[in-house]
Amino acid sequence: MKKRTLEELHDAKIGHRKFAKICDLLIEKGYSITDIKEYYEKFIFFVDGSRFEYSKVDWKSSAKEFADYVIDMVETIKQIRRFEYWR
């Protein structure tokens, strides 16, 4: 396991171009990405406090589609948390 920064993801020698693009799209939309950990076949990262995984091997869709998926999940989690506090 290696901790990565956004700058390292953009580095051509050690980074991962597609995952860097996903992070860029999320940041562009105003989301916070923290605690990026790289494993052999996946990245584990947090977006606005929620944990996600990105598989380097299995995910075949575009960076935009994965970013949209993460955004949908984060917004759903936020709605659930708001509902729980309301009760």
N, C-alpha and C. Protein backbone atom coordinates (compact mmCIF):
# COMPACT_ATOMS: atom_id res chain seq x y z
N MET A 1 0.84 -1.18 0.00
CA MET A 1 0.00 0.00 0.00
C MET A 1 0.88 1.24 0.00
N LYS A 2 0.52 2.19 -0.85
CA LYS A 2 1.25 3.46 -0.92
C LYS A 2 0.23 4.59 -0.84
N LYS A 3 0.51 5.56 0.02
CA LYS A 3 -0.32 6.77 0.06
C LYS A 3 0.08 7.64 -1.12
N ARG A 4 -0.90 8.19 -1.80
CA ARG A 4 -0.65 9.02 -2.97
C ARG A 4 -1.25 10.41 -2.79
N THR A 5 -0.63 11.38 -3.45
CA THR A 5 -1.18 12.73 -3.51
C THR A 5 -1.74 12.94 -4.92
N LEU A 6 -2.50 13.99 -5.08
CA LEU A 6 -3.03 14.29 -6.41
C LEU A 6 -1.91 14.59 -7.40
N GLU A 7 -0.85 15.21 -6.92
CA GLU A 7 0.29 15.51 -7.80
C GLU A 7 0.95 14.23 -8.29
N GLU A 8 1.06 13.23 -7.42
CA GLU A 8 1.66 11.96 -7.82
C GLU A 8 0.79 11.23 -8.85
N LEU A 9 -0.52 11.37 -8.75
CA LEU A 9 -1.39 10.73 -9.72
C LEU A 9 -1.20 11.29 -11.12
N HIS A 10 -0.80 12.56 -11.20
CA HIS A 10 -0.57 13.19 -12.49
C HIS A 10 0.83 12.93 -13.04
N ASP A 11 1.71 12.40 -12.22
CA ASP A 11 3.08 12.11 -12.64
C ASP A 11 3.06 10.94 -13.63
N ALA A 12 3.68 11.13 -14.78
CA ALA A 12 3.66 10.11 -15.84
C ALA A 12 4.37 8.83 -15.43
N LYS A 13 5.34 8.91 -14.53
CA LYS A 13 6.11 7.72 -14.16
C LYS A 13 5.46 6.90 -13.05
N ILE A 14 4.81 7.54 -12.09
CA ILE A 14 4.24 6.78 -10.97
C ILE A 14 2.73 6.90 -10.87
N GLY A 15 2.12 7.78 -11.64
CA GLY A 15 0.69 8.05 -11.51
C GLY A 15 -0.19 7.10 -12.29
N HIS A 16 -1.45 7.41 -12.27
CA HIS A 16 -2.47 6.64 -12.98
C HIS A 16 -3.36 7.66 -13.68
N ARG A 17 -3.24 7.76 -14.99
CA ARG A 17 -3.87 8.83 -15.76
C ARG A 17 -5.39 8.86 -15.62
N LYS A 18 -6.03 7.69 -15.71
CA LYS A 18 -7.49 7.66 -15.66
C LYS A 18 -8.00 8.03 -14.26
N PHE A 19 -7.36 7.51 -13.22
CA PHE A 19 -7.80 7.86 -11.88
C PHE A 19 -7.54 9.33 -11.58
N ALA A 20 -6.46 9.87 -12.10
CA ALA A 20 -6.17 11.30 -11.94
C ALA A 20 -7.28 12.14 -12.59
N LYS A 21 -7.77 11.70 -13.74
CA LYS A 21 -8.86 12.40 -14.43
C LYS A 21 -10.14 12.35 -13.60
N ILE A 22 -10.40 11.20 -12.98
CA ILE A 22 -11.58 11.07 -12.11
C ILE A 22 -11.48 12.07 -10.96
N CYS A 23 -10.32 12.14 -10.34
CA CYS A 23 -10.12 13.08 -9.23
C CYS A 23 -10.29 14.52 -9.69
N ASP A 24 -9.76 14.84 -10.86
CA ASP A 24 -9.90 16.19 -11.40
C ASP A 24 -11.37 16.54 -11.61
N LEU A 25 -12.14 15.61 -12.16
CA LEU A 25 -13.57 15.86 -12.39
C LEU A 25 -14.32 16.08 -11.07
N LEU A 26 -13.98 15.30 -10.06
CA LEU A 26 -14.64 15.46 -8.76
C LEU A 26 -14.28 16.79 -8.11
N ILE A 27 -13.02 17.16 -8.17
CA ILE A 27 -12.58 18.44 -7.59
C ILE A 27 -13.23 19.61 -8.34
N GLU A 28 -13.32 19.47 -9.65
CA GLU A 28 -13.95 20.51 -10.47
C GLU A 28 -15.41 20.74 -10.05
N LYS A 29 -16.08 19.68 -9.61
CA LYS A 29 -17.47 19.78 -9.16
C LYS A 29 -17.59 20.21 -7.70
N GLY A 30 -16.45 20.41 -7.02
CA GLY A 30 -16.48 20.92 -5.66
C GLY A 30 -16.38 19.88 -4.56
N TYR A 31 -16.00 18.66 -4.90
CA TYR A 31 -15.88 17.60 -3.90
C TYR A 31 -14.44 17.53 -3.39
N SER A 32 -14.30 17.08 -2.15
CA SER A 32 -13.00 16.97 -1.50
C SER A 32 -12.53 15.52 -1.54
N ILE A 33 -11.32 15.29 -2.03
CA ILE A 33 -10.75 13.94 -2.10
C ILE A 33 -9.60 13.87 -1.12
N THR A 34 -9.66 12.87 -0.23
CA THR A 34 -8.63 12.73 0.79
C THR A 34 -8.20 11.27 0.91
N ASP A 35 -7.08 11.08 1.57
CA ASP A 35 -6.59 9.76 1.96
C ASP A 35 -6.58 8.76 0.81
N ILE A 36 -5.85 9.09 -0.25
CA ILE A 36 -5.75 8.21 -1.41
C ILE A 36 -4.69 7.15 -1.12
N LYS A 37 -5.09 5.89 -1.20
CA LYS A 37 -4.17 4.78 -0.99
C LYS A 37 -4.18 3.90 -2.23
N GLU A 38 -2.98 3.60 -2.73
CA GLU A 38 -2.86 2.76 -3.91
C GLU A 38 -2.42 1.36 -3.50
N TYR A 39 -3.18 0.39 -3.97
CA TYR A 39 -2.84 -1.02 -3.79
C TYR A 39 -2.51 -1.59 -5.17
N TYR A 40 -2.16 -2.84 -5.22
CA TYR A 40 -1.74 -3.45 -6.48
C TYR A 40 -2.78 -3.29 -7.58
N GLU A 41 -4.05 -3.58 -7.28
CA GLU A 41 -5.08 -3.54 -8.31
C GLU A 41 -6.16 -2.49 -8.09
N LYS A 42 -6.02 -1.65 -7.04
CA LYS A 42 -7.09 -0.69 -6.79
C LYS A 42 -6.59 0.52 -6.02
N PHE A 43 -7.41 1.55 -6.04
CA PHE A 43 -7.23 2.73 -5.21
C PHE A 43 -8.37 2.75 -4.20
N ILE A 44 -8.07 3.11 -2.97
CA ILE A 44 -9.09 3.38 -1.96
C ILE A 44 -8.95 4.85 -1.61
N PHE A 45 -10.06 5.58 -1.63
CA PHE A 45 -10.02 7.02 -1.40
C PHE A 45 -11.32 7.47 -0.75
N PHE A 46 -11.30 8.67 -0.21
CA PHE A 46 -12.48 9.24 0.45
C PHE A 46 -12.92 10.50 -0.30
N VAL A 47 -14.21 10.60 -0.54
CA VAL A 47 -14.80 11.78 -1.16
C VAL A 47 -15.81 12.34 -0.17
N ASP A 48 -15.55 13.54 0.31
CA ASP A 48 -16.40 14.20 1.32
C ASP A 48 -16.70 13.25 2.49
N GLY A 49 -15.69 12.50 2.90
CA GLY A 49 -15.81 11.63 4.06
C GLY A 49 -16.34 10.24 3.79
N SER A 50 -16.74 9.93 2.57
CA SER A 50 -17.26 8.61 2.23
C SER A 50 -16.19 7.81 1.48
N ARG A 51 -16.05 6.53 1.83
CA ARG A 51 -15.01 5.67 1.28
C ARG A 51 -15.45 5.07 -0.06
N PHE A 52 -14.53 5.09 -1.03
CA PHE A 52 -14.76 4.50 -2.34
C PHE A 52 -13.55 3.70 -2.77
N GLU A 53 -13.77 2.80 -3.71
CA GLU A 53 -12.69 2.03 -4.31
C GLU A 53 -12.76 2.17 -5.82
N TYR A 54 -11.60 2.26 -6.43
CA TYR A 54 -11.50 2.27 -7.89
C TYR A 54 -10.59 1.11 -8.30
N SER A 55 -11.15 0.15 -9.01
CA SER A 55 -10.38 -1.00 -9.46
C SER A 55 -9.66 -0.66 -10.76
N LYS A 56 -8.36 -0.84 -10.77
CA LYS A 56 -7.58 -0.58 -11.98
C LYS A 56 -7.90 -1.61 -13.07
N VAL A 57 -8.35 -2.78 -12.67
CA VAL A 57 -8.54 -3.88 -13.60
C VAL A 57 -9.97 -3.98 -14.12
N ASP A 58 -10.94 -3.89 -13.22
CA ASP A 58 -12.32 -4.21 -13.58
C ASP A 58 -13.11 -3.08 -14.20
N TRP A 59 -12.82 -1.85 -13.85
CA TRP A 59 -13.66 -0.75 -14.30
C TRP A 59 -13.35 -0.40 -15.75
N LYS A 60 -14.33 -0.57 -16.62
CA LYS A 60 -14.11 -0.37 -18.06
C LYS A 60 -14.76 0.88 -18.61
N SER A 61 -15.58 1.58 -17.85
CA SER A 61 -16.22 2.78 -18.39
C SER A 61 -15.29 3.98 -18.29
N SER A 62 -15.77 5.09 -18.78
CA SER A 62 -14.94 6.29 -18.85
C SER A 62 -14.76 6.92 -17.47
N ALA A 63 -13.79 7.81 -17.40
CA ALA A 63 -13.53 8.54 -16.15
C ALA A 63 -14.75 9.37 -15.77
N LYS A 64 -15.41 9.96 -16.74
CA LYS A 64 -16.60 10.78 -16.46
C LYS A 64 -17.72 9.92 -15.89
N GLU A 65 -17.93 8.74 -16.43
CA GLU A 65 -18.99 7.87 -15.91
C GLU A 65 -18.70 7.45 -14.47
N PHE A 66 -17.45 7.15 -14.15
CA PHE A 66 -17.12 6.77 -12.78
C PHE A 66 -17.27 7.96 -11.84
N ALA A 67 -16.84 9.14 -12.29
CA ALA A 67 -17.00 10.35 -11.48
C ALA A 67 -18.48 10.63 -11.23
N ASP A 68 -19.32 10.46 -12.25
CA ASP A 68 -20.76 10.65 -12.07
C ASP A 68 -21.33 9.65 -11.07
N TYR A 69 -20.86 8.42 -11.13
CA TYR A 69 -21.29 7.39 -10.17
C TYR A 69 -20.93 7.81 -8.74
N VAL A 70 -19.71 8.27 -8.54
CA VAL A 70 -19.26 8.69 -7.20
C VAL A 70 -20.10 9.88 -6.72
N ILE A 71 -20.35 10.83 -7.60
CA ILE A 71 -21.16 12.00 -7.24
C ILE A 71 -22.56 11.55 -6.81
N ASP A 72 -23.17 10.65 -7.57
CA ASP A 72 -24.50 10.15 -7.21
C ASP A 72 -24.49 9.47 -5.84
N MET A 73 -23.47 8.68 -5.58
CA MET A 73 -23.37 7.98 -4.31
C MET A 73 -23.16 8.96 -3.15
N VAL A 74 -22.29 9.95 -3.33
CA VAL A 74 -22.02 10.93 -2.27
C VAL A 74 -23.29 11.72 -1.96
N GLU A 75 -24.00 12.13 -2.98
CA GLU A 75 -25.23 12.90 -2.76
C GLU A 75 -26.30 12.04 -2.08
N THR A 76 -26.38 10.76 -2.42
CA THR A 76 -27.32 9.86 -1.76
C THR A 76 -26.96 9.69 -0.28
N ILE A 77 -25.67 9.51 -0.01
CA ILE A 77 -25.22 9.38 1.38
C ILE A 77 -25.53 10.64 2.17
N LYS A 78 -25.34 11.81 1.56
CA LYS A 78 -25.66 13.06 2.24
C LYS A 78 -27.15 13.16 2.56
N GLN A 79 -28.00 12.73 1.63
CA GLN A 79 -29.44 12.76 1.86
C GLN A 79 -29.83 11.81 2.99
N ILE A 80 -29.23 10.64 3.01
CA ILE A 80 -29.52 9.68 4.08
C ILE A 80 -29.10 10.24 5.43
N ARG A 81 -27.93 10.85 5.48
CA ARG A 81 -27.46 11.44 6.75
C ARG A 81 -28.38 12.56 7.21
N ARG A 82 -28.85 13.39 6.28
CA ARG A 82 -29.78 14.47 6.65
C ARG A 82 -31.07 13.90 7.21
N PHE A 83 -31.56 12.84 6.61
CA PHE A 83 -32.80 12.21 7.07
C PHE A 83 -32.61 11.61 8.46
N GLU A 84 -31.47 10.98 8.71
CA GLU A 84 -31.21 10.40 10.01
C GLU A 84 -31.16 11.46 11.09
N TYR A 85 -30.57 12.62 10.81
CA TYR A 85 -30.50 13.69 11.80
C TYR A 85 -31.87 14.31 12.03
N TRP A 86 -32.71 14.33 11.00
CA TRP A 86 -34.02 14.92 11.10
C TRP A 86 -34.91 14.12 12.06
N ARG A 87 -34.75 12.81 12.05
CA ARG A 87 -35.59 11.94 12.89
C ARG A 87 -35.20 12.15 14.29
